[in-house]
Amino acid sequence: MKKVLVLVLSVLICATGVFANGQSEASSDKPIVLKISNGVNELHPSYLAAVKFGEILDQKLPGKFDVQVYANAQLGDDVRATEATRMGNLEMVCTSSSPLVGLVSEFMVLDLPFLFPTSEDADKVLDGEVGAYLAKKLEAKDLKLLAYYENGFRQLTNSKREVQSPEDLAGLKIRTMENPIHLAAWKALGANPTPMPFSEVFTAMQQKTIDGQENPIPTIYLQKFYEVQGYTTLTGHVYGPHILLMNKKLFDSFTAEEQKIILDAAHESALFQRKTNRQMDVDYVQELRKEGMVVTELSPAQKKAFQDAVQPIYTQFEDKIGKDVITMIQDALK
């Protein structure tokens, strides 16, 4: 009888072990979830590019990853989502550069007004030595920079009057990000900069708490700011990237081959994103006009007046940014 009991127990133990091993293998075969936080809506090029990133990964590594893209700051605003990615509580984020300034001060260079003459100049710098230098700095902060997307050139809107010169900005309450360079630049231009979260901007303009704001054209159109603003001026005062980041420890956990595929997919999605963003930039200017907005294009002389007004900002912030980084960009643009 004892022999029978021992035999039955042995069979049960073996069966349990096989089941457990089977479960373990099955769970290891499950796709690795990559949640990507986005502050923009589902029509924005950065959201579309994050989706494209997932599609490319699935083509190259079928069933390996389950990429889930979240819009409208559902997983937190840029600051919170970036911190969550750092801490490993979130896999990925597509963010503006502003939340990175507190981690790597050199990222402040991307907030300098009129730094890049054209989008192609920005590509040259961010895809080159400077972009790699900034990306390397982030790795010590547990963030792996996969690609530079494009937020684009920021333009001015307001509900009061057409703006053709810095003098036209006098007294206007313009919403900005909580960013020292942006605040200093708008003060230098004669406006009254008013920092507030992006989620509050539409209501604040609707209630006349502020007179205007500044953002790239796709954001202005897709957020329907034309419903509460009458004037757009194509100042192009700051070029901003969107930056695709992954938790560094997570990235390091993949094989060298997988890492290369992830980086290649990110780069391919970035090319798609920039092309889409630039086309929207052109198309949506026309759409804003159709919606009744007065869209003002500045002449070179008019634009120079804005550039001259903010030139002291470079000297004011060069110690905080690092003069060497500013010089690296200026040399790359020559």
C-alpha atoms as a PDB file:
ATOM      1  CA  MET A   1       0.000   0.000   0.000  1.00  0.00           C
ATOM      2  CA  LYS A   2       2.829   2.380   0.931  1.00  0.00           C
ATOM      3  CA  LYS A   3       4.498   1.670  -2.409  1.00  0.00           C
ATOM      4  CA  VAL A   4       1.276   2.555  -4.249  1.00  0.00           C
ATOM      5  CA  LEU A   5       0.935   5.837  -2.313  1.00  0.00           C
ATOM      6  CA  VAL A   6       4.535   6.762  -3.024  1.00  0.00           C
ATOM      7  CA  LEU A   7       4.013   5.974  -6.712  1.00  0.00           C
ATOM      8  CA  VAL A   8       0.841   8.103  -6.893  1.00  0.00           C
ATOM      9  CA  LEU A   9       2.540  11.015  -5.108  1.00  0.00           C
ATOM     10  CA  SER A  10       5.518  10.781  -7.448  1.00  0.00           C
ATOM     11  CA  VAL A  11       3.264  10.910 -10.497  1.00  0.00           C
ATOM     12  CA  LEU A  12       1.393  13.905  -9.070  1.00  0.00           C
ATOM     13  CA  ILE A  13       4.602  15.754  -8.293  1.00  0.00           C
ATOM     14  CA  CYS A  14       5.957  15.095 -11.773  1.00  0.00           C
ATOM     15  CA  ALA A  15       2.694  16.192 -13.355  1.00  0.00           C
ATOM     16  CA  THR A  16       2.677  19.356 -11.284  1.00  0.00           C
ATOM     17  CA  GLY A  17       6.232  20.073 -12.348  1.00  0.00           C
ATOM     18  CA  VAL A  18       5.395  19.578 -16.022  1.00  0.00           C
ATOM     19  CA  PHE A  19       2.359  21.860 -15.678  1.00  0.00           C
ATOM     20  CA  ALA A  20       4.405  24.501 -13.925  1.00  0.00           C
ATOM     21  CA  ASN A  21       7.128  24.338 -16.563  1.00  0.00           C
ATOM     22  CA  GLY A  22       4.529  24.473 -19.279  1.00  0.00           C
ATOM     23  CA  GLN A  23       2.986  27.541 -17.708  1.00  0.00           C
ATOM     24  CA  SER A  24       6.396  29.185 -17.388  1.00  0.00           C
ATOM     25  CA  GLU A  25       7.238  28.557 -21.023  1.00  0.00           C
ATOM     26  CA  ALA A  26       3.820  29.764 -22.135  1.00  0.00           C
ATOM     27  CA  SER A  27       4.160  32.962 -20.133  1.00  0.00           C
ATOM     28  CA  SER A  28       7.627  33.568 -21.588  1.00  0.00           C
ATOM     29  CA  ASP A  29       6.071  33.303 -25.038  1.00  0.00           C
ATOM     30  CA  LYS A  30       3.635  36.114 -24.303  1.00  0.00           C
ATOM     31  CA  PRO A  31       4.370  39.380 -26.137  1.00  0.00           C
ATOM     32  CA  ILE A  32       6.323  41.973 -24.171  1.00  0.00           C
ATOM     33  CA  VAL A  33       4.000  44.918 -23.585  1.00  0.00           C
ATOM     34  CA  LEU A  34       5.420  48.305 -24.569  1.00  0.00           C
ATOM     35  CA  LYS A  35       3.108  51.110 -23.465  1.00  0.00           C
ATOM     36  CA  ILE A  36       3.914  54.454 -25.113  1.00  0.00           C
ATOM     37  CA  SER A  37       2.588  57.617 -23.497  1.00  0.00           C
ATOM     38  CA  ASN A  38       1.712  60.567 -25.758  1.00  0.00           C
ATOM     39  CA  GLY A  39       0.443  63.986 -24.735  1.00  0.00           C
ATOM     40  CA  VAL A  40      -1.058  64.658 -28.182  1.00  0.00           C
ATOM     41  CA  ASN A  41      -4.317  63.357 -29.662  1.00  0.00           C
ATOM     42  CA  GLU A  42      -4.841  60.393 -31.993  1.00  0.00           C
ATOM     43  CA  LEU A  43      -4.575  62.491 -35.161  1.00  0.00           C
ATOM     44  CA  HIS A  44      -1.193  64.019 -34.356  1.00  0.00           C
ATOM     45  CA  PRO A  45       1.850  62.798 -36.349  1.00  0.00           C
ATOM     46  CA  SER A  46       3.657  61.777 -33.151  1.00  0.00           C
ATOM     47  CA  TYR A  47       0.814  59.477 -32.121  1.00  0.00           C
ATOM     48  CA  LEU A  48       0.593  58.060 -35.647  1.00  0.00           C
ATOM     49  CA  ALA A  49       4.361  57.491 -35.707  1.00  0.00           C
ATOM     50  CA  ALA A  50       4.287  55.639 -32.372  1.00  0.00           C
ATOM     51  CA  VAL A  51       1.649  53.346 -33.882  1.00  0.00           C
ATOM     52  CA  LYS A  52       3.880  52.968 -36.956  1.00  0.00           C
ATOM     53  CA  PHE A  53       6.794  52.034 -34.670  1.00  0.00           C
ATOM     54  CA  GLY A  54       4.693  49.180 -33.274  1.00  0.00           C
ATOM     55  CA  GLU A  55       3.708  48.009 -36.744  1.00  0.00           C
ATOM     56  CA  ILE A  56       7.327  47.935 -37.910  1.00  0.00           C
ATOM     57  CA  LEU A  57       8.392  45.987 -34.826  1.00  0.00           C
ATOM     58  CA  ASP A  58       5.627  43.453 -35.433  1.00  0.00           C
ATOM     59  CA  GLN A  59       6.784  42.980 -39.025  1.00  0.00           C
ATOM     60  CA  LYS A  60      10.402  42.418 -38.015  1.00  0.00           C
ATOM     61  CA  LEU A  61       9.779  40.498 -34.789  1.00  0.00           C
ATOM     62  CA  PRO A  62       6.317  38.916 -35.151  1.00  0.00           C
ATOM     63  CA  GLY A  63       4.637  38.324 -31.801  1.00  0.00           C
ATOM     64  CA  LYS A  64       7.603  39.606 -29.768  1.00  0.00           C
ATOM     65  CA  PHE A  65       6.054  42.910 -28.674  1.00  0.00           C
ATOM     66  CA  ASP A  66       2.608  44.269 -27.942  1.00  0.00           C
ATOM     67  CA  VAL A  67       2.968  48.021 -28.536  1.00  0.00           C
ATOM     68  CA  GLN A  68       0.135  50.026 -26.959  1.00  0.00           C
ATOM     69  CA  VAL A  69      -0.009  53.750 -27.744  1.00  0.00           C
ATOM     70  CA  TYR A  70      -1.904  56.075 -25.408  1.00  0.00           C
ATOM     71  CA  ALA A  71      -2.980  59.599 -26.445  1.00  0.00           C
ATOM     72  CA  ASN A  72      -4.104  62.755 -24.648  1.00  0.00           C
ATOM     73  CA  ALA A  73      -1.809  62.241 -21.641  1.00  0.00           C
ATOM     74  CA  GLN A  74      -3.898  59.291 -20.432  1.00  0.00           C
ATOM     75  CA  LEU A  75      -0.817  57.923 -18.665  1.00  0.00           C
ATOM     76  CA  GLY A  76       0.209  61.325 -17.311  1.00  0.00           C
ATOM     77  CA  ASP A  77       1.547  64.567 -18.763  1.00  0.00           C
ATOM     78  CA  ASP A  78       5.028  64.679 -20.283  1.00  0.00           C
ATOM     79  CA  VAL A  79       6.735  65.287 -16.946  1.00  0.00           C
ATOM     80  CA  ARG A  80       4.977  62.456 -15.104  1.00  0.00           C
ATOM     81  CA  ALA A  81       5.187  59.994 -17.995  1.00  0.00           C
ATOM     82  CA  THR A  82       8.898  60.702 -18.486  1.00  0.00           C
ATOM     83  CA  GLU A  83       9.555  60.138 -14.790  1.00  0.00           C
ATOM     84  CA  ALA A  84       7.496  56.926 -14.876  1.00  0.00           C
ATOM     85  CA  THR A  85       9.622  55.722 -17.811  1.00  0.00           C
ATOM     86  CA  ARG A  86      12.791  56.547 -15.890  1.00  0.00           C
ATOM     87  CA  MET A  87      11.596  54.597 -12.879  1.00  0.00           C
ATOM     88  CA  GLY A  88      10.551  51.598 -14.974  1.00  0.00           C
ATOM     89  CA  ASN A  89       6.847  51.981 -14.157  1.00  0.00           C
ATOM     90  CA  LEU A  90       6.199  52.757 -17.842  1.00  0.00           C
ATOM     91  CA  GLU A  91       8.057  51.298 -20.812  1.00  0.00           C
ATOM     92  CA  MET A  92       8.114  54.263 -23.205  1.00  0.00           C
ATOM     93  CA  VAL A  93       7.143  57.892 -23.673  1.00  0.00           C
ATOM     94  CA  CYS A  94       7.036  60.342 -26.561  1.00  0.00           C
ATOM     95  CA  THR A  95       7.705  63.708 -24.937  1.00  0.00           C
ATOM     96  CA  SER A  96       8.727  67.252 -25.682  1.00  0.00           C
ATOM     97  CA  SER A  97      12.267  68.163 -24.632  1.00  0.00           C
ATOM     98  CA  SER A  98      11.169  70.346 -21.710  1.00  0.00           C
ATOM     99  CA  PRO A  99      10.821  67.552 -19.091  1.00  0.00           C
ATOM    100  CA  LEU A 100      14.368  66.451 -19.914  1.00  0.00           C
ATOM    101  CA  VAL A 101      15.933  69.787 -18.980  1.00  0.00           C
ATOM    102  CA  GLY A 102      15.799  68.943 -15.270  1.00  0.00           C
ATOM    103  CA  LEU A 103      17.710  65.721 -15.985  1.00  0.00           C
ATOM    104  CA  VAL A 104      20.209  67.012 -18.543  1.00  0.00           C
ATOM    105  CA  SER A 105      20.590  70.793 -18.587  1.00  0.00           C
ATOM    106  CA  GLU A 106      22.082  70.726 -22.088  1.00  0.00           C
ATOM    107  CA  PHE A 107      18.599  69.990 -23.466  1.00  0.00           C
ATOM    108  CA  MET A 108      17.816  73.651 -22.731  1.00  0.00           C
ATOM    109  CA  VAL A 109      19.659  74.461 -25.949  1.00  0.00           C
ATOM    110  CA  LEU A 110      16.621  73.247 -27.916  1.00  0.00           C
ATOM    111  CA  ASP A 111      14.509  75.998 -26.322  1.00  0.00           C
ATOM    112  CA  LEU A 112      16.657  78.836 -27.655  1.00  0.00           C
ATOM    113  CA  PRO A 113      14.643  81.077 -29.994  1.00  0.00           C
ATOM    114  CA  PHE A 114      15.445  81.013 -33.716  1.00  0.00           C
ATOM    115  CA  LEU A 115      18.150  78.360 -33.259  1.00  0.00           C
ATOM    116  CA  PHE A 116      17.288  76.389 -36.408  1.00  0.00           C
ATOM    117  CA  PRO A 117      16.580  78.246 -39.669  1.00  0.00           C
ATOM    118  CA  THR A 118      14.766  75.263 -41.244  1.00  0.00           C
ATOM    119  CA  SER A 119      13.460  71.792 -40.410  1.00  0.00           C
ATOM    120  CA  GLU A 120      16.234  70.296 -42.511  1.00  0.00           C
ATOM    121  CA  ASP A 121      18.786  72.125 -40.351  1.00  0.00           C
ATOM    122  CA  ALA A 122      17.179  70.592 -37.272  1.00  0.00           C
ATOM    123  CA  ASP A 123      17.404  67.125 -38.876  1.00  0.00           C
ATOM    124  CA  LYS A 124      21.083  67.651 -39.586  1.00  0.00           C
ATOM    125  CA  VAL A 125      21.837  68.584 -35.974  1.00  0.00           C
ATOM    126  CA  LEU A 126      19.606  66.078 -34.165  1.00  0.00           C
ATOM    127  CA  ASP A 127      20.553  63.138 -36.397  1.00  0.00           C
ATOM    128  CA  GLY A 128      24.206  64.042 -36.060  1.00  0.00           C
ATOM    129  CA  GLU A 129      26.854  64.597 -33.406  1.00  0.00           C
ATOM    130  CA  VAL A 130      24.769  66.903 -31.211  1.00  0.00           C
ATOM    131  CA  GLY A 131      21.774  64.566 -31.119  1.00  0.00           C
ATOM    132  CA  ALA A 132      24.010  61.629 -30.199  1.00  0.00           C
ATOM    133  CA  TYR A 133      25.726  63.713 -27.497  1.00  0.00           C
ATOM    134  CA  LEU A 134      22.396  64.599 -25.859  1.00  0.00           C
ATOM    135  CA  ALA A 135      21.155  61.005 -26.148  1.00  0.00           C
ATOM    136  CA  LYS A 136      24.270  59.704 -24.390  1.00  0.00           C
ATOM    137  CA  LYS A 137      23.716  62.128 -21.500  1.00  0.00           C
ATOM    138  CA  LEU A 138      20.254  60.649 -20.913  1.00  0.00           C
ATOM    139  CA  GLU A 139      21.538  57.106 -20.480  1.00  0.00           C
ATOM    140  CA  ALA A 140      22.936  57.964 -17.051  1.00  0.00           C
ATOM    141  CA  LYS A 141      19.361  58.941 -16.129  1.00  0.00           C
ATOM    142  CA  ASP A 142      17.959  55.508 -17.074  1.00  0.00           C
ATOM    143  CA  LEU A 143      16.494  56.701 -20.378  1.00  0.00           C
ATOM    144  CA  LYS A 144      17.345  55.378 -23.845  1.00  0.00           C
ATOM    145  CA  LEU A 145      16.671  57.864 -26.626  1.00  0.00           C
ATOM    146  CA  LEU A 146      15.396  55.920 -29.636  1.00  0.00           C
ATOM    147  CA  ALA A 147      14.585  58.717 -32.086  1.00  0.00           C
ATOM    148  CA  TYR A 148      13.940  62.409 -32.539  1.00  0.00           C
ATOM    149  CA  TYR A 149      10.435  63.044 -33.824  1.00  0.00           C
ATOM    150  CA  GLU A 150       9.289  66.549 -34.725  1.00  0.00           C
ATOM    151  CA  ASN A 151       6.988  68.839 -32.786  1.00  0.00           C
ATOM    152  CA  GLY A 152       7.943  71.578 -35.206  1.00  0.00           C
ATOM    153  CA  PHE A 153       8.230  75.337 -35.314  1.00  0.00           C
ATOM    154  CA  ARG A 154       6.092  77.101 -32.754  1.00  0.00           C
ATOM    155  CA  GLN A 155       3.751  79.801 -34.048  1.00  0.00           C
ATOM    156  CA  LEU A 156       1.751  82.493 -32.257  1.00  0.00           C
ATOM    157  CA  THR A 157      -2.030  82.782 -32.022  1.00  0.00           C
ATOM    158  CA  ASN A 158      -4.138  85.374 -30.243  1.00  0.00           C
ATOM    159  CA  SER A 159      -7.694  86.708 -30.085  1.00  0.00           C
ATOM    160  CA  LYS A 160      -6.906  90.449 -29.987  1.00  0.00           C
ATOM    161  CA  ARG A 161      -5.125  91.631 -33.116  1.00  0.00           C
ATOM    162  CA  GLU A 162      -2.814  90.834 -36.000  1.00  0.00           C
ATOM    163  CA  VAL A 163       0.805  90.637 -34.860  1.00  0.00           C
ATOM    164  CA  GLN A 164       3.451  91.757 -37.334  1.00  0.00           C
ATOM    165  CA  SER A 165       6.111  93.117 -34.974  1.00  0.00           C
ATOM    166  CA  PRO A 166       7.233  92.797 -31.336  1.00  0.00           C
ATOM    167  CA  GLU A 167       5.445  96.086 -30.645  1.00  0.00           C
ATOM    168  CA  ASP A 168       2.129  94.409 -31.489  1.00  0.00           C
ATOM    169  CA  LEU A 169       2.668  92.017 -28.569  1.00  0.00           C
ATOM    170  CA  ALA A 170       2.557  94.736 -25.921  1.00  0.00           C
ATOM    171  CA  GLY A 171       0.246  93.708 -23.092  1.00  0.00           C
ATOM    172  CA  LEU A 172      -0.875  90.420 -24.639  1.00  0.00           C
ATOM    173  CA  LYS A 173      -1.171  87.532 -22.177  1.00  0.00           C
ATOM    174  CA  ILE A 174       0.458  84.628 -23.994  1.00  0.00           C
ATOM    175  CA  ARG A 175       0.375  81.129 -22.529  1.00  0.00           C
ATOM    176  CA  THR A 176       3.774  79.443 -22.462  1.00  0.00           C
ATOM    177  CA  MET A 177       5.185  76.289 -20.977  1.00  0.00           C
ATOM    178  CA  GLU A 178       6.767  76.495 -17.521  1.00  0.00           C
ATOM    179  CA  ASN A 179      10.138  77.056 -19.153  1.00  0.00           C
ATOM    180  CA  PRO A 180      12.624  79.770 -18.155  1.00  0.00           C
ATOM    181  CA  ILE A 181      13.913  80.414 -21.685  1.00  0.00           C
ATOM    182  CA  HIS A 182      10.411  80.668 -23.158  1.00  0.00           C
ATOM    183  CA  LEU A 183       9.324  83.008 -20.363  1.00  0.00           C
ATOM    184  CA  ALA A 184      12.390  85.215 -20.814  1.00  0.00           C
ATOM    185  CA  ALA A 185      11.959  85.294 -24.601  1.00  0.00           C
ATOM    186  CA  TRP A 186       8.325  86.421 -24.467  1.00  0.00           C
ATOM    187  CA  LYS A 187       9.161  89.085 -21.898  1.00  0.00           C
ATOM    188  CA  ALA A 188      11.922  90.332 -24.206  1.00  0.00           C
ATOM    189  CA  LEU A 189       9.358  90.502 -27.021  1.00  0.00           C
ATOM    190  CA  GLY A 190       7.085  92.675 -24.864  1.00  0.00           C
ATOM    191  CA  ALA A 191       4.322  90.162 -24.134  1.00  0.00           C
ATOM    192  CA  ASN A 192       3.028  89.027 -20.759  1.00  0.00           C
ATOM    193  CA  PRO A 193       3.972  85.301 -20.647  1.00  0.00           C
ATOM    194  CA  THR A 194       1.558  83.194 -18.596  1.00  0.00           C
ATOM    195  CA  PRO A 195       2.635  79.599 -17.899  1.00  0.00           C
ATOM    196  CA  MET A 196      -0.084  76.975 -17.502  1.00  0.00           C
ATOM    197  CA  PRO A 197      -0.650  73.276 -18.259  1.00  0.00           C
ATOM    198  CA  PHE A 198      -1.518  72.561 -21.886  1.00  0.00           C
ATOM    199  CA  SER A 199      -4.754  70.841 -20.860  1.00  0.00           C
ATOM    200  CA  GLU A 200      -6.080  74.166 -19.531  1.00  0.00           C
ATOM    201  CA  VAL A 201      -5.215  76.335 -22.537  1.00  0.00           C
ATOM    202  CA  PHE A 202      -8.392  76.031 -24.622  1.00  0.00           C
ATOM    203  CA  THR A 203     -10.676  76.880 -21.701  1.00  0.00           C
ATOM    204  CA  ALA A 204      -8.424  79.760 -20.630  1.00  0.00           C
ATOM    205  CA  MET A 205      -8.602  81.266 -24.136  1.00  0.00           C
ATOM    206  CA  GLN A 206     -12.345  80.671 -24.286  1.00  0.00           C
ATOM    207  CA  GLN A 207     -12.835  82.486 -20.968  1.00  0.00           C
ATOM    208  CA  LYS A 208     -10.386  85.259 -21.990  1.00  0.00           C
ATOM    209  CA  THR A 209      -8.096  84.485 -19.064  1.00  0.00           C
ATOM    210  CA  ILE A 210      -5.298  84.601 -21.634  1.00  0.00           C
ATOM    211  CA  ASP A 211      -5.168  86.277 -25.028  1.00  0.00           C
ATOM    212  CA  GLY A 212      -3.172  83.676 -26.901  1.00  0.00           C
ATOM    213  CA  GLN A 213      -0.675  80.837 -26.980  1.00  0.00           C
ATOM    214  CA  GLU A 214       2.153  79.444 -29.091  1.00  0.00           C
ATOM    215  CA  ASN A 215       2.395  75.964 -30.582  1.00  0.00           C
ATOM    216  CA  PRO A 216       3.144  74.270 -33.916  1.00  0.00           C
ATOM    217  CA  ILE A 217       0.463  74.487 -36.618  1.00  0.00           C
ATOM    218  CA  PRO A 218      -0.691  70.822 -36.353  1.00  0.00           C
ATOM    219  CA  THR A 219      -1.382  71.334 -32.647  1.00  0.00           C
ATOM    220  CA  ILE A 220      -3.176  74.636 -33.264  1.00  0.00           C
ATOM    221  CA  TYR A 221      -5.451  73.051 -35.851  1.00  0.00           C
ATOM    222  CA  LEU A 222      -6.040  69.643 -34.274  1.00  0.00           C
ATOM    223  CA  GLN A 223      -6.883  71.224 -30.904  1.00  0.00           C
ATOM    224  CA  LYS A 224      -9.356  73.526 -32.714  1.00  0.00           C
ATOM    225  CA  PHE A 225      -7.832  76.689 -31.309  1.00  0.00           C
ATOM    226  CA  TYR A 226      -9.373  78.519 -34.274  1.00  0.00           C
ATOM    227  CA  GLU A 227     -12.686  78.326 -32.402  1.00  0.00           C
ATOM    228  CA  VAL A 228     -11.379  80.753 -29.759  1.00  0.00           C
ATOM    229  CA  GLN A 229      -8.558  82.578 -31.609  1.00  0.00           C
ATOM    230  CA  GLY A 230      -8.731  84.915 -34.565  1.00  0.00           C
ATOM    231  CA  TYR A 231      -5.084  85.489 -35.506  1.00  0.00           C
ATOM    232  CA  THR A 232      -2.061  83.329 -36.281  1.00  0.00           C
ATOM    233  CA  THR A 233       1.408  84.739 -36.920  1.00  0.00           C
ATOM    234  CA  LEU A 234       3.981  82.400 -38.456  1.00  0.00           C
ATOM    235  CA  THR A 235       6.826  83.492 -36.207  1.00  0.00           C
ATOM    236  CA  GLY A 236       8.608  80.119 -36.182  1.00  0.00           C
ATOM    237  CA  HIS A 237      10.294  81.334 -33.002  1.00  0.00           C
ATOM    238  CA  VAL A 238      11.297  77.920 -31.572  1.00  0.00           C
ATOM    239  CA  TYR A 239      11.811  74.540 -33.211  1.00  0.00           C
ATOM    240  CA  GLY A 240      10.971  71.714 -30.857  1.00  0.00           C
ATOM    241  CA  PRO A 241      11.400  67.953 -31.201  1.00  0.00           C
ATOM    242  CA  HIS A 242       9.258  65.214 -29.794  1.00  0.00           C
ATOM    243  CA  ILE A 243      11.555  62.566 -28.343  1.00  0.00           C
ATOM    244  CA  LEU A 244      10.862  58.826 -28.273  1.00  0.00           C
ATOM    245  CA  LEU A 245      12.289  57.287 -25.100  1.00  0.00           C
ATOM    246  CA  MET A 246      12.462  53.822 -23.563  1.00  0.00           C
ATOM    247  CA  ASN A 247      13.452  52.759 -20.074  1.00  0.00           C
ATOM    248  CA  LYS A 248      17.206  52.085 -20.325  1.00  0.00           C
ATOM    249  CA  LYS A 249      17.205  48.897 -18.240  1.00  0.00           C
ATOM    250  CA  LEU A 250      14.420  47.476 -20.386  1.00  0.00           C
ATOM    251  CA  PHE A 251      16.324  48.324 -23.571  1.00  0.00           C
ATOM    252  CA  ASP A 252      19.475  46.732 -22.157  1.00  0.00           C
ATOM    253  CA  SER A 253      17.565  43.523 -21.414  1.00  0.00           C
ATOM    254  CA  PHE A 254      17.134  42.802 -25.131  1.00  0.00           C
ATOM    255  CA  THR A 255      19.682  41.056 -27.318  1.00  0.00           C
ATOM    256  CA  ALA A 256      21.988  43.103 -29.528  1.00  0.00           C
ATOM    257  CA  GLU A 257      19.972  42.034 -32.572  1.00  0.00           C
ATOM    258  CA  GLU A 258      16.688  43.069 -30.923  1.00  0.00           C
ATOM    259  CA  GLN A 259      18.166  46.410 -29.884  1.00  0.00           C
ATOM    260  CA  LYS A 260      19.211  47.115 -33.469  1.00  0.00           C
ATOM    261  CA  ILE A 261      15.727  46.255 -34.741  1.00  0.00           C
ATOM    262  CA  ILE A 262      14.146  48.550 -32.130  1.00  0.00           C
ATOM    263  CA  LEU A 263      16.456  51.437 -33.085  1.00  0.00           C
ATOM    264  CA  ASP A 264      15.888  50.857 -36.805  1.00  0.00           C
ATOM    265  CA  ALA A 265      12.109  50.781 -36.270  1.00  0.00           C
ATOM    266  CA  ALA A 266      12.288  53.999 -34.263  1.00  0.00           C
ATOM    267  CA  HIS A 267      14.349  55.696 -36.982  1.00  0.00           C
ATOM    268  CA  GLU A 268      11.962  54.553 -39.707  1.00  0.00           C
ATOM    269  CA  SER A 269       8.981  55.802 -37.693  1.00  0.00           C
ATOM    270  CA  ALA A 270      10.779  59.141 -37.202  1.00  0.00           C
ATOM    271  CA  LEU A 271      11.166  59.629 -40.960  1.00  0.00           C
ATOM    272  CA  PHE A 272       7.452  58.912 -41.350  1.00  0.00           C
ATOM    273  CA  GLN A 273       6.598  61.280 -38.502  1.00  0.00           C
ATOM    274  CA  ARG A 274       8.626  64.205 -39.844  1.00  0.00           C
ATOM    275  CA  LYS A 275       7.242  63.836 -43.356  1.00  0.00           C
ATOM    276  CA  THR A 276       3.677  63.671 -42.025  1.00  0.00           C
ATOM    277  CA  ASN A 277       4.196  66.610 -39.673  1.00  0.00           C
ATOM    278  CA  ARG A 278       5.635  68.834 -42.398  1.00  0.00           C
ATOM    279  CA  GLN A 279       2.800  68.049 -44.775  1.00  0.00           C
ATOM    280  CA  MET A 280       0.264  68.816 -42.050  1.00  0.00           C
ATOM    281  CA  ASP A 281       2.113  72.050 -41.352  1.00  0.00           C
ATOM    282  CA  VAL A 282       1.442  73.185 -44.923  1.00  0.00           C
ATOM    283  CA  ASP A 283      -2.080  71.787 -45.215  1.00  0.00           C
ATOM    284  CA  TYR A 284      -3.354  73.070 -41.875  1.00  0.00           C
ATOM    285  CA  VAL A 285      -2.282  76.662 -42.537  1.00  0.00           C
ATOM    286  CA  GLN A 286      -4.785  76.629 -45.380  1.00  0.00           C
ATOM    287  CA  GLU A 287      -7.377  74.979 -43.152  1.00  0.00           C
ATOM    288  CA  LEU A 288      -6.923  77.675 -40.502  1.00  0.00           C
ATOM    289  CA  ARG A 289      -7.621  80.298 -43.162  1.00  0.00           C
ATOM    290  CA  LYS A 290     -10.736  78.392 -44.212  1.00  0.00           C
ATOM    291  CA  GLU A 291     -11.876  78.447 -40.581  1.00  0.00           C
ATOM    292  CA  GLY A 292     -11.671  82.235 -40.651  1.00  0.00           C
ATOM    293  CA  MET A 293      -8.327  82.892 -38.995  1.00  0.00           C
ATOM    294  CA  VAL A 294      -6.097  85.696 -40.214  1.00  0.00           C
ATOM    295  CA  VAL A 295      -2.745  84.001 -40.910  1.00  0.00           C
ATOM    296  CA  THR A 296       0.189  86.409 -41.114  1.00  0.00           C
ATOM    297  CA  GLU A 297       3.423  85.441 -42.847  1.00  0.00           C
ATOM    298  CA  LEU A 298       6.343  87.637 -41.808  1.00  0.00           C
ATOM    299  CA  SER A 299       8.753  89.147 -44.305  1.00  0.00           C
ATOM    300  CA  PRO A 300      12.490  88.575 -43.662  1.00  0.00           C
ATOM    301  CA  ALA A 301      12.768  92.114 -42.286  1.00  0.00           C
ATOM    302  CA  GLN A 302       9.786  91.616 -39.968  1.00  0.00           C
ATOM    303  CA  LYS A 303      11.158  88.297 -38.730  1.00  0.00           C
ATOM    304  CA  LYS A 304      14.553  89.896 -38.058  1.00  0.00           C
ATOM    305  CA  ALA A 305      12.896  92.304 -35.639  1.00  0.00           C
ATOM    306  CA  PHE A 306      11.730  89.334 -33.560  1.00  0.00           C
ATOM    307  CA  GLN A 307      15.158  87.667 -33.809  1.00  0.00           C
ATOM    308  CA  ASP A 308      16.976  90.822 -32.707  1.00  0.00           C
ATOM    309  CA  ALA A 309      14.676  91.278 -29.714  1.00  0.00           C
ATOM    310  CA  VAL A 310      15.505  87.842 -28.277  1.00  0.00           C
ATOM    311  CA  GLN A 311      19.230  87.724 -29.101  1.00  0.00           C
ATOM    312  CA  PRO A 312      20.256  88.594 -25.491  1.00  0.00           C
ATOM    313  CA  ILE A 313      18.613  85.320 -24.378  1.00  0.00           C
ATOM    314  CA  TYR A 314      21.620  83.398 -25.732  1.00  0.00           C
ATOM    315  CA  THR A 315      24.040  85.235 -23.454  1.00  0.00           C
ATOM    316  CA  GLN A 316      21.626  85.120 -20.522  1.00  0.00           C
ATOM    317  CA  PHE A 317      21.390  81.309 -20.566  1.00  0.00           C
ATOM    318  CA  GLU A 318      24.691  80.145 -22.046  1.00  0.00           C
ATOM    319  CA  ASP A 319      26.184  79.282 -18.638  1.00  0.00           C
ATOM    320  CA  LYS A 320      23.190  77.106 -17.699  1.00  0.00           C
ATOM    321  CA  ILE A 321      23.075  75.383 -21.076  1.00  0.00           C
ATOM    322  CA  GLY A 322      26.791  75.079 -21.673  1.00  0.00           C
ATOM    323  CA  LYS A 323      28.447  77.328 -24.232  1.00  0.00           C
ATOM    324  CA  ASP A 324      30.105  74.296 -25.845  1.00  0.00           C
ATOM    325  CA  VAL A 325      26.707  72.803 -26.811  1.00  0.00           C
ATOM    326  CA  ILE A 326      25.546  76.068 -28.388  1.00  0.00           C
ATOM    327  CA  THR A 327      28.838  76.261 -30.287  1.00  0.00           C
ATOM    328  CA  MET A 328      28.478  72.621 -31.449  1.00  0.00           C
ATOM    329  CA  ILE A 329      25.114  73.456 -33.002  1.00  0.00           C
ATOM    330  CA  GLN A 330      26.272  76.715 -34.550  1.00  0.00           C
ATOM    331  CA  ASP A 331      29.285  74.955 -36.068  1.00  0.00           C
ATOM    332  CA  ALA A 332      27.084  72.144 -37.424  1.00  0.00           C
ATOM    333  CA  LEU A 333      24.842  74.709 -39.109  1.00  0.00           C
ATOM    334  CA  LYS A 334      27.684  76.549 -40.855  1.00  0.00           C
END
